[in-house]
Amino acid sequence: MFAKEGAGVTLGRREFLGVAAGAALAGADIVSNAAPGAAEQAVRFPDGFVWGTSTSSYQIEGAVDADGRGPSVWDTFSRTPGKVLNGDTGDVAADHYNRYLEDVALMADAGLKAYRFSVAWPRIQPTGTGPANARGLDFYDRLTDALLRRGIQPWPCLYHWDLPQALQDRGGWGNRDIASWFADYAGIVAGRIGDRAKHWVMLNEPSVVAIFGHGVGGHAPDLRGRASYCAAIHHQNLAQGRALAALRAAGGKDWQLGTVLSVQPVKPAPGPDSNRHAAAQWDAVWNRACLDPLFKGEYPDSLVADFKPLVKPGDMETIRQPVDFLGLNYYSRMHQVVDPGGLFGTNFGPSPDGTKHTDMGWPIEPDGLYEQLIEFRDRYGNPPVYVTENGASYGDWVGPSGKAEDGARIFFIRDHLLACHRAIRDGANLRGYFVWTLLDNFEWGYGYTQHFGLVQVDRETMQRRPKASYYWYGDVAKANAVPL
């Protein structure tokens, strides 16, 4: 019924109505991009708005024993029978380590101007501490140069979950000493590519590392317990603060320093009023345990007793470092129910009736992104924010044109971008958007069964095939506008 020329995607009535509903989010500032009389309209983003994409090292690099890289906790976890679907591992992943030039070309051809990638700590310090592995640094040196040659700004993220196994053997995020180890590692990486990379991310989603890696289990290193969760949160917060201070001292005014949090508005699931308490408690566990120390220098009231044994004099001052930006990873709201056996007495519940879901089963709630951006405006002083991850897992297929068709992903991204536009209109300090993700990759415990990429990766040949969403998102980036 409605076709996007050049994207190779045909949309039926249900999908078209979804776009119409999403378009209503945009409100004002709708301008025509077409000749007079044409139907095409778009919402424009502010000049200088950053369009990019994000990836992570373990999910795409492969080459897990190349050039001196040491094992990570995710190597150990994925090779443990029963931990990852189909026994998949990141040993090869998307082979980005060997094909990075091809992937940089894909970003450049799409018109993207920023790339948030993560540095694999085990490549830089195979045992987690001590002298740097020059060959590991060489890779990120080559990647940085390749990005800059194509007009793409590198945004290195220092930690995206692949902790050196040697550090886990010494207690990992449960060991307070890791804060100093991380700051040393940050200095090594910045010392190598900081003359060219100007935007630095400390951590990616510390709450996810703590909750699923150390609280309820299911992610590496697969620990469980309330005390383990709290130690992982506090020591990540402390490591983040020390790394920010170390890089600020080394880079001065040359660098923009920030961190990335997964922040999801938490709502009570349909049911009894007691779910409201569950939602408030989970909000503290998931969101506030990272946000409040960073911006307010304190843990939320409901968790103060849990963190008290871990906090030493000066810790909160170290954690409350100024940041030049905050990265927001948003996928959906969370809907909680009371669960006496769950972590902190709460658990995930059903979404409201009528909520649509991605192929991964995650709710589709673009209004939640607007809500979260406005909360940053009102509760945390409206810091500069970049959406550093937003995307969806959907199946795709190769159509008669030879393109990989994924119309559902286009609509997901489109509706969330319209929510971003509305938030900017209403005063949110949003500076850019990074889609998750460039390539179909190793999706943690799901292995290779879920597909978030703008580009297909053939598991046998590693051939890249851009999807319809790749062309659509590239058009958005080049125009700095989202078509209605």
Protein backbone atom coordinates (compact mmCIF):
# COMPACT_ATOMS: atom_id res chain seq x y z
CA MET A 1 0.00 0.00 0.00
CA PHE A 2 2.92 2.33 0.74
CA ALA A 3 6.41 1.95 -0.68
CA LYS A 4 9.63 3.73 0.26
CA GLU A 5 11.49 4.23 -3.00
CA GLY A 6 15.06 3.02 -2.88
CA ALA A 7 14.63 0.98 0.27
CA GLY A 8 13.16 -2.09 -1.38
CA VAL A 9 10.42 -2.41 1.22
CA THR A 10 6.66 -2.61 0.70
CA LEU A 11 4.43 -1.87 3.65
CA GLY A 12 0.98 -3.22 4.32
CA ARG A 13 -2.00 -1.44 5.89
CA ARG A 14 -1.13 -2.42 9.49
CA GLU A 15 2.43 -1.12 9.17
CA PHE A 16 1.30 2.05 7.43
CA LEU A 17 -1.12 2.81 10.26
CA GLY A 18 1.74 2.28 12.70
CA VAL A 19 3.74 4.96 10.92
CA ALA A 20 0.79 7.33 10.95
CA ALA A 21 0.45 6.88 14.70
CA GLY A 22 4.17 7.40 15.20
CA ALA A 23 4.16 10.51 13.05
CA ALA A 24 1.81 12.16 15.49
CA LEU A 25 4.65 12.19 18.02
CA ALA A 26 6.55 14.73 15.98
CA GLY A 27 4.22 17.65 16.61
CA ALA A 28 5.53 20.91 15.21
CA ASP A 29 8.54 21.68 13.01
CA ILE A 30 7.32 19.54 10.15
CA VAL A 31 8.77 20.75 6.90
CA SER A 32 8.44 19.66 3.32
CA ASN A 33 11.46 18.11 1.66
CA ALA A 34 9.82 17.75 -1.71
CA ALA A 35 8.73 19.94 -4.55
CA PRO A 36 5.53 21.97 -4.11
CA GLY A 37 2.51 19.72 -4.30
CA ALA A 38 4.40 16.58 -3.36
CA ALA A 39 3.19 14.53 -0.41
CA GLU A 40 6.59 13.80 1.12
CA GLN A 41 7.19 15.58 4.44
CA ALA A 42 9.79 15.24 7.15
CA VAL A 43 10.78 16.44 10.58
CA ARG A 44 14.20 18.05 10.69
CA PHE A 45 16.71 17.68 13.48
CA PRO A 46 18.90 20.53 14.77
CA ASP A 47 22.02 21.41 12.83
CA GLY A 48 24.97 19.41 14.09
CA PHE A 49 22.83 16.51 15.31
CA VAL A 50 25.07 13.41 15.33
CA TRP A 51 23.99 10.33 13.39
CA GLY A 52 25.90 7.14 14.10
CA THR A 53 25.86 3.48 14.97
CA SER A 54 27.16 1.40 17.88
CA THR A 55 28.77 -2.03 18.20
CA SER A 56 30.69 -3.97 20.84
CA SER A 57 33.98 -5.81 20.60
CA TYR A 58 32.98 -9.31 21.70
CA GLN A 59 29.83 -9.23 19.58
CA ILE A 60 31.54 -8.47 16.26
CA GLU A 61 35.33 -8.72 16.35
CA GLY A 62 36.01 -12.45 16.50
CA ALA A 63 39.74 -13.26 16.32
CA VAL A 64 39.63 -14.16 20.01
CA ASP A 65 43.19 -15.52 20.11
CA ALA A 66 44.76 -13.22 17.53
CA ASP A 67 47.73 -10.95 18.19
CA GLY A 68 48.08 -11.70 21.85
CA ARG A 69 44.48 -11.23 22.99
CA GLY A 70 43.74 -12.96 26.27
CA PRO A 71 40.49 -14.73 27.16
CA SER A 72 37.52 -12.78 28.49
CA VAL A 73 34.70 -13.79 30.81
CA TRP A 74 32.47 -14.09 27.76
CA ASP A 75 34.86 -16.56 26.13
CA THR A 76 34.62 -18.66 29.27
CA PHE A 77 30.85 -18.28 29.59
CA SER A 78 30.00 -18.98 25.95
CA ARG A 79 32.16 -22.10 25.89
CA THR A 80 30.38 -23.51 28.94
CA PRO A 81 27.74 -26.01 27.74
CA GLY A 82 24.17 -24.79 28.12
CA LYS A 83 24.96 -21.11 28.64
CA VAL A 84 24.37 -19.83 25.08
CA LEU A 85 21.78 -21.01 22.57
CA ASN A 86 23.11 -23.56 20.09
CA GLY A 87 26.49 -23.50 21.80
CA ASP A 88 27.36 -20.31 19.90
CA THR A 89 30.46 -18.32 20.82
CA GLY A 90 32.07 -15.05 19.78
CA ASP A 91 35.15 -16.83 18.44
CA VAL A 92 34.41 -15.59 14.91
CA ALA A 93 31.42 -13.28 15.50
CA ALA A 94 31.22 -10.97 12.45
CA ASP A 95 35.00 -11.17 11.81
CA HIS A 96 35.20 -7.40 12.17
CA TYR A 97 38.82 -7.68 13.32
CA ASN A 98 39.77 -8.75 9.80
CA ARG A 99 37.02 -6.94 7.87
CA TYR A 100 36.94 -3.57 9.62
CA LEU A 101 37.76 -1.66 6.42
CA GLU A 102 34.68 -3.13 4.75
CA ASP A 103 32.56 -2.18 7.76
CA VAL A 104 33.94 1.36 7.87
CA ALA A 105 33.06 1.69 4.19
CA LEU A 106 29.49 0.61 4.95
CA MET A 107 29.18 3.34 7.58
CA ALA A 108 30.67 5.96 5.28
CA ASP A 109 28.45 5.01 2.35
CA ALA A 110 25.41 5.38 4.62
CA GLY A 111 26.49 8.90 5.52
CA LEU A 112 27.09 8.16 9.21
CA LYS A 113 29.41 10.55 11.01
CA ALA A 114 30.08 8.76 14.31
CA TYR A 115 30.88 5.23 15.38
CA ARG A 116 30.72 4.04 18.99
CA PHE A 117 32.86 0.91 19.21
CA SER A 118 34.19 -0.81 22.29
CA VAL A 119 37.80 -1.61 23.04
CA ALA A 120 38.45 -5.19 24.16
CA TRP A 121 40.32 -4.96 27.45
CA PRO A 122 41.81 -8.47 26.89
CA ARG A 123 43.43 -7.22 23.65
CA ILE A 124 45.14 -4.37 25.46
CA GLN A 125 46.11 -6.14 28.69
CA PRO A 126 45.66 -9.90 28.24
CA THR A 127 45.96 -10.46 32.00
CA GLY A 128 44.06 -7.28 32.87
CA THR A 129 47.01 -5.42 34.37
CA GLY A 130 50.61 -4.71 33.49
CA PRO A 131 52.25 -3.64 30.22
CA ALA A 132 50.13 -3.01 27.14
CA ASN A 133 49.96 -5.48 24.29
CA ALA A 134 51.19 -3.37 21.36
CA ARG A 135 49.51 -5.56 18.74
CA GLY A 136 46.15 -5.10 20.43
CA LEU A 137 46.56 -1.34 20.46
CA ASP A 138 47.61 -1.47 16.81
CA PHE A 139 44.17 -2.70 15.79
CA TYR A 140 42.34 0.24 17.36
CA ASP A 141 44.97 2.56 15.93
CA ARG A 142 44.20 1.25 12.43
CA LEU A 143 40.45 1.40 13.05
CA THR A 144 40.64 5.00 14.29
CA ASP A 145 42.62 6.09 11.24
CA ALA A 146 40.25 4.28 8.88
CA LEU A 147 37.25 6.01 10.43
CA LEU A 148 38.79 9.46 10.22
CA ARG A 149 39.79 8.95 6.58
CA ARG A 150 36.09 8.43 5.82
CA GLY A 151 34.87 11.40 7.86
CA ILE A 152 33.58 9.34 10.79
CA GLN A 153 34.31 10.38 14.36
CA PRO A 154 35.52 7.51 16.58
CA TRP A 155 33.71 7.17 19.92
CA PRO A 156 35.66 4.49 21.81
CA CYS A 157 33.90 2.80 24.73
CA LEU A 158 36.38 1.38 27.20
CA TYR A 159 34.25 -1.43 28.59
CA HIS A 160 31.42 -3.38 27.00
CA TRP A 161 31.31 -6.51 29.18
CA ASP A 162 34.36 -8.50 27.98
CA LEU A 163 36.34 -8.40 31.23
CA PRO A 164 39.70 -10.21 31.08
CA GLN A 165 39.21 -13.65 32.59
CA ALA A 166 42.44 -13.15 34.53
CA LEU A 167 40.78 -10.28 36.41
CA GLN A 168 37.68 -12.34 37.10
CA ASP A 169 39.99 -14.93 38.63
CA ARG A 170 41.06 -12.16 41.03
CA GLY A 171 37.46 -11.29 41.93
CA GLY A 172 36.46 -9.19 38.92
CA TRP A 173 33.95 -6.47 39.70
CA GLY A 174 33.67 -7.89 43.19
CA ASN A 175 37.21 -6.76 43.95
CA ARG A 176 37.57 -3.10 44.88
CA ASP A 177 41.05 -2.99 43.30
CA ILE A 178 39.45 -3.21 39.87
CA ALA A 179 38.68 0.52 40.01
CA SER A 180 42.41 1.28 39.85
CA TRP A 181 43.06 -1.42 37.27
CA PHE A 182 40.38 0.07 35.03
CA ALA A 183 41.75 3.61 35.35
CA ASP A 184 45.21 2.35 34.36
CA TYR A 185 43.78 0.55 31.34
CA ALA A 186 41.81 3.65 30.32
CA GLY A 187 44.99 5.69 30.38
CA ILE A 188 46.80 3.19 28.16
CA VAL A 189 44.10 3.28 25.47
CA ALA A 190 43.67 7.05 25.58
CA GLY A 191 47.42 7.47 25.41
CA ARG A 192 47.48 5.58 22.11
CA ILE A 193 44.50 6.97 20.18
CA GLY A 194 43.55 10.05 22.21
CA ASP A 195 45.33 12.34 19.78
CA ARG A 196 42.57 11.49 17.28
CA ALA A 197 39.60 10.14 19.26
CA LYS A 198 37.89 13.01 21.07
CA HIS A 199 34.74 11.38 22.50
CA TRP A 200 35.27 8.80 25.23
CA VAL A 201 32.77 6.45 26.88
CA MET A 202 33.81 4.84 30.16
CA LEU A 203 31.34 1.98 30.65
CA ASN A 204 28.45 0.44 28.79
CA GLU A 205 25.39 -0.45 30.88
CA PRO A 206 26.90 -1.13 34.32
CA SER A 207 23.46 -2.01 35.69
CA VAL A 208 23.12 -4.83 33.16
CA VAL A 209 26.57 -6.15 34.07
CA ALA A 210 25.61 -6.09 37.74
CA ILE A 211 22.08 -7.46 37.45
CA PHE A 212 22.54 -10.23 34.89
CA GLY A 213 26.22 -10.93 35.42
CA HIS A 214 26.24 -10.76 39.22
CA GLY A 215 22.65 -10.67 40.51
CA VAL A 216 20.18 -12.98 38.81
CA GLY A 217 22.66 -14.69 36.47
CA GLY A 218 22.40 -15.44 32.78
CA HIS A 219 25.37 -13.29 31.64
CA ALA A 220 29.07 -13.73 32.26
CA PRO A 221 30.45 -14.34 34.84
CA ASP A 222 27.07 -15.78 35.91
CA LEU A 223 27.18 -14.93 39.61
CA ARG A 224 24.09 -14.53 41.77
CA GLY A 225 23.03 -12.67 44.86
CA ARG A 226 22.14 -9.29 46.25
CA ALA A 227 25.60 -8.68 47.73
CA SER A 228 27.30 -9.61 44.46
CA TYR A 229 25.05 -7.20 42.55
CA CYS A 230 25.84 -4.35 44.94
CA ALA A 231 29.59 -4.94 44.77
CA ALA A 232 29.51 -4.96 40.97
CA ILE A 233 27.49 -1.74 40.85
CA HIS A 234 29.65 0.13 43.37
CA HIS A 235 32.96 -0.94 41.93
CA GLN A 236 31.87 -0.06 38.39
CA ASN A 237 30.71 3.34 39.61
CA LEU A 238 34.05 3.81 41.35
CA ALA A 239 36.03 2.63 38.32
CA GLN A 240 34.07 5.00 36.11
CA GLY A 241 34.84 7.91 38.41
CA ARG A 242 38.54 7.13 38.58
CA ALA A 243 38.80 6.70 34.82
CA LEU A 244 36.98 9.99 34.21
CA ALA A 245 39.36 11.77 36.57
CA ALA A 246 42.41 10.14 34.99
CA LEU A 247 41.40 11.00 31.42
CA ARG A 248 40.37 14.51 32.36
CA ALA A 249 43.79 15.07 33.89
CA ALA A 250 45.49 13.65 30.80
CA GLY A 251 43.33 15.14 28.06
CA GLY A 252 42.29 18.47 29.49
CA LYS A 253 39.88 20.29 27.22
CA ASP A 254 40.58 18.15 24.16
CA TRP A 255 38.21 15.32 25.04
CA GLN A 256 34.50 14.94 25.63
CA LEU A 257 34.13 12.41 28.43
CA GLY A 258 30.98 10.49 29.26
CA THR A 259 29.48 7.12 30.04
CA VAL A 260 26.58 5.00 28.80
CA LEU A 261 23.69 3.77 30.95
CA SER A 262 20.75 1.55 30.12
CA VAL A 263 17.87 3.58 31.54
CA GLN A 264 14.34 2.28 31.15
CA PRO A 265 11.24 3.88 32.68
CA VAL A 266 9.80 1.37 35.15
CA LYS A 267 6.04 0.95 35.51
CA PRO A 268 3.88 -1.36 37.64
CA ALA A 269 2.56 -4.23 35.58
CA PRO A 270 -1.21 -4.64 35.38
CA GLY A 271 -2.42 -6.14 38.64
CA PRO A 272 -2.50 -5.34 42.35
CA ASP A 273 -1.41 -2.01 43.84
CA SER A 274 1.60 -3.77 45.39
CA ASN A 275 3.15 -3.75 41.92
CA ARG A 276 3.74 -0.03 42.43
CA HIS A 277 6.22 -0.81 45.19
CA ALA A 278 7.85 -3.43 42.97
CA ALA A 279 8.25 -0.86 40.20
CA ALA A 280 9.77 1.71 42.55
CA GLN A 281 12.23 -0.81 43.91
CA TRP A 282 13.27 -2.05 40.47
CA ASP A 283 13.68 1.54 39.31
CA ALA A 284 16.19 1.99 42.13
CA VAL A 285 18.03 -1.24 41.25
CA TRP A 286 18.13 -0.75 37.48
CA ASN A 287 18.24 3.03 37.00
CA ARG A 288 18.98 5.04 40.13
CA ALA A 289 21.89 2.94 41.44
CA CYS A 290 23.95 4.32 38.55
CA LEU A 291 22.30 7.68 37.85
CA ASP A 292 22.07 9.03 41.39
CA PRO A 293 25.72 8.44 42.37
CA LEU A 294 26.90 10.06 39.13
CA PHE A 295 24.69 13.14 39.27
CA LYS A 296 23.86 13.47 42.98
CA GLY A 297 26.67 11.67 44.79
CA GLU A 298 24.33 9.30 46.63
CA TYR A 299 22.59 5.95 46.32
CA PRO A 300 18.78 5.82 46.31
CA ASP A 301 17.23 5.65 49.77
CA SER A 302 15.92 2.10 49.38
CA LEU A 303 19.45 0.79 48.66
CA VAL A 304 21.57 2.83 51.06
CA ALA A 305 21.76 -0.01 53.60
CA ASP A 306 22.84 -2.46 50.89
CA PHE A 307 25.70 -0.27 49.71
CA LYS A 308 26.82 1.01 53.11
CA PRO A 309 29.37 -1.83 53.73
CA LEU A 310 31.03 -1.07 50.36
CA VAL A 311 31.29 2.71 50.53
CA LYS A 312 34.52 4.12 51.93
CA PRO A 313 35.31 7.76 52.69
CA GLY A 314 35.77 9.71 49.49
CA ASP A 315 34.04 7.14 47.27
CA MET A 316 30.97 9.20 46.47
CA GLU A 317 33.07 12.26 45.66
CA THR A 318 35.15 10.12 43.29
CA ILE A 319 32.02 8.71 41.64
CA ARG A 320 30.35 12.10 41.25
CA GLN A 321 32.58 13.22 38.42
CA PRO A 322 31.32 15.80 35.95
CA VAL A 323 30.54 14.32 32.54
CA ASP A 324 30.44 16.13 29.22
CA PHE A 325 27.63 13.89 28.03
CA LEU A 326 25.46 10.96 29.05
CA GLY A 327 24.82 8.06 26.70
CA LEU A 328 21.33 6.57 26.89
CA ASN A 329 20.63 3.03 25.75
CA TYR A 330 16.87 2.66 25.40
CA TYR A 331 14.80 -0.28 24.18
CA SER A 332 11.50 -0.22 26.10
CA ARG A 333 9.89 0.45 29.45
CA MET A 334 9.96 -2.22 32.14
CA HIS A 335 6.77 -3.51 33.77
CA GLN A 336 7.26 -5.01 37.23
CA VAL A 337 5.36 -7.30 39.58
CA VAL A 338 5.91 -8.22 43.21
CA ASP A 339 7.96 -11.40 43.53
CA PRO A 340 9.11 -12.33 47.05
CA GLY A 341 11.67 -14.71 45.53
CA GLY A 342 13.05 -12.24 43.02
CA LEU A 343 16.06 -9.97 43.32
CA PHE A 344 14.95 -7.18 45.68
CA GLY A 345 11.41 -8.62 45.75
CA THR A 346 10.45 -7.74 42.19
CA ASN A 347 10.37 -9.36 38.79
CA PHE A 348 9.40 -8.68 35.19
CA GLY A 349 5.69 -8.72 34.45
CA PRO A 350 3.48 -8.44 31.38
CA SER A 351 3.20 -5.33 29.25
CA PRO A 352 -0.14 -3.51 29.02
CA ASP A 353 -2.73 -5.11 26.78
CA GLY A 354 -2.29 -4.18 23.14
CA THR A 355 1.47 -3.61 23.36
CA LYS A 356 3.33 -4.84 20.29
CA HIS A 357 6.63 -6.67 20.62
CA THR A 358 9.77 -7.22 18.59
CA ASP A 359 10.87 -10.69 17.50
CA MET A 360 12.91 -10.84 20.71
CA GLY A 361 9.73 -10.34 22.73
CA TRP A 362 10.63 -6.83 23.89
CA PRO A 363 7.81 -4.27 24.11
CA ILE A 364 7.70 -1.54 21.46
CA GLU A 365 7.23 1.70 23.41
CA PRO A 366 8.69 4.78 21.70
CA ASP A 367 6.81 7.01 24.14
CA GLY A 368 9.09 5.62 26.84
CA LEU A 369 12.10 7.14 25.09
CA TYR A 370 10.42 10.55 25.09
CA GLU A 371 9.54 10.05 28.76
CA GLN A 372 13.13 9.21 29.68
CA LEU A 373 14.63 12.17 27.83
CA ILE A 374 12.22 14.52 29.55
CA GLU A 375 13.10 12.99 32.92
CA PHE A 376 16.78 13.78 32.32
CA ARG A 377 15.66 17.34 31.64
CA ASP A 378 13.66 17.62 34.84
CA ARG A 379 15.48 15.40 37.34
CA TYR A 380 19.16 15.52 36.41
CA GLY A 381 19.75 19.05 35.17
CA ASN A 382 19.25 18.40 31.45
CA PRO A 383 22.77 17.16 30.63
CA PRO A 384 23.85 16.72 27.00
CA VAL A 385 22.49 13.31 25.99
CA TYR A 386 23.13 11.00 23.07
CA VAL A 387 20.94 7.98 22.40
CA THR A 388 23.84 5.55 22.13
CA GLU A 389 21.73 2.43 21.52
CA ASN A 390 18.26 1.99 20.13
CA GLY A 391 17.15 -0.74 17.79
CA ALA A 392 15.23 -3.98 17.48
CA SER A 393 15.63 -7.62 16.61
CA TYR A 394 13.56 -8.63 13.60
CA GLY A 395 13.81 -11.31 10.99
CA ASP A 396 14.51 -10.36 7.41
CA TRP A 397 14.56 -11.98 4.02
CA VAL A 398 16.10 -11.39 0.61
CA GLY A 399 13.48 -10.02 -1.77
CA PRO A 400 13.31 -10.16 -5.56
CA SER A 401 15.41 -6.98 -5.76
CA GLY A 402 18.28 -8.74 -4.01
CA LYS A 403 17.98 -6.50 -0.95
CA ALA A 404 17.37 -7.81 2.53
CA GLU A 405 13.89 -6.66 3.51
CA ASP A 406 13.22 -5.57 7.12
CA GLY A 407 10.36 -3.09 7.05
CA ALA A 408 9.47 -3.66 10.72
CA ARG A 409 12.89 -2.34 11.78
CA ILE A 410 12.41 0.80 9.71
CA PHE A 411 9.18 1.56 11.53
CA PHE A 412 10.69 0.82 14.92
CA ILE A 413 13.57 3.24 14.33
CA ARG A 414 11.30 5.80 12.71
CA ASP A 415 8.87 5.95 15.62
CA HIS A 416 11.71 6.25 18.13
CA LEU A 417 13.33 9.03 16.13
CA LEU A 418 10.03 10.88 16.10
CA ALA A 419 9.94 10.50 19.88
CA CYS A 420 13.45 11.98 19.99
CA HIS A 421 12.33 14.90 17.86
CA ARG A 422 9.39 15.60 20.14
CA ALA A 423 11.67 15.53 23.19
CA ILE A 424 14.05 18.03 21.57
CA ARG A 425 11.11 20.27 20.76
CA ASP A 426 10.11 20.09 24.44
CA GLY A 427 13.53 21.10 25.71
CA ALA A 428 15.47 17.86 26.12
CA ASN A 429 19.18 18.35 25.51
CA LEU A 430 19.51 15.53 22.98
CA ARG A 431 22.54 15.84 20.69
CA GLY A 432 22.62 12.65 18.63
CA TYR A 433 21.38 9.14 17.89
CA PHE A 434 23.35 5.90 17.41
CA VAL A 435 21.36 2.98 16.06
CA TRP A 436 22.00 -0.48 17.49
CA THR A 437 23.57 -1.95 15.48
CA LEU A 438 25.56 -1.98 12.26
CA LEU A 439 25.91 -5.75 11.81
CA ASP A 440 24.00 -8.84 12.79
CA ASN A 441 26.17 -10.16 15.60
CA PHE A 442 26.63 -12.45 18.59
CA GLU A 443 23.66 -11.51 20.75
CA TRP A 444 24.97 -12.71 24.10
CA GLY A 445 22.93 -15.62 25.50
CA TYR A 446 20.85 -15.74 22.31
CA GLY A 447 23.90 -16.52 20.19
CA TYR A 448 23.21 -15.82 16.53
CA THR A 449 19.44 -16.35 16.71
CA GLN A 450 18.53 -12.65 17.05
CA HIS A 451 19.26 -9.98 14.46
CA PHE A 452 19.62 -6.30 15.36
CA GLY A 453 21.80 -5.26 12.43
CA LEU A 454 21.26 -2.87 9.56
CA VAL A 455 23.46 -5.29 7.63
CA GLN A 456 23.17 -9.06 7.31
CA VAL A 457 26.25 -11.20 7.90
CA ASP A 458 26.31 -14.61 6.22
CA ARG A 459 27.44 -17.03 8.93
CA GLU A 460 29.34 -19.19 6.45
CA THR A 461 31.03 -16.63 4.20
CA MET A 462 30.90 -13.47 6.37
CA GLN A 463 29.50 -11.64 3.33
CA ARG A 464 27.77 -8.37 4.26
CA ARG A 465 24.37 -7.62 2.75
CA PRO A 466 22.80 -4.24 3.60
CA LYS A 467 19.14 -4.39 4.58
CA ALA A 468 16.39 -1.98 3.59
CA SER A 469 16.82 -0.31 7.00
CA TYR A 470 20.46 0.45 6.16
CA TYR A 471 19.45 2.49 3.13
CA TRP A 472 16.57 4.14 4.96
CA TYR A 473 18.68 5.13 7.96
CA GLY A 474 21.41 6.38 5.65
CA ASP A 475 18.90 8.65 3.94
CA VAL A 476 17.84 10.00 7.33
CA ALA A 477 21.44 10.70 8.32
CA LYS A 478 22.24 12.47 5.06
CA ALA A 479 19.09 14.59 5.19
CA ASN A 480 19.20 15.19 8.96
CA ALA A 481 15.47 14.57 8.82
CA VAL A 482 12.97 11.75 9.28
CA PRO A 483 10.36 11.34 6.55
CA LEU A 484 6.70 11.13 7.50
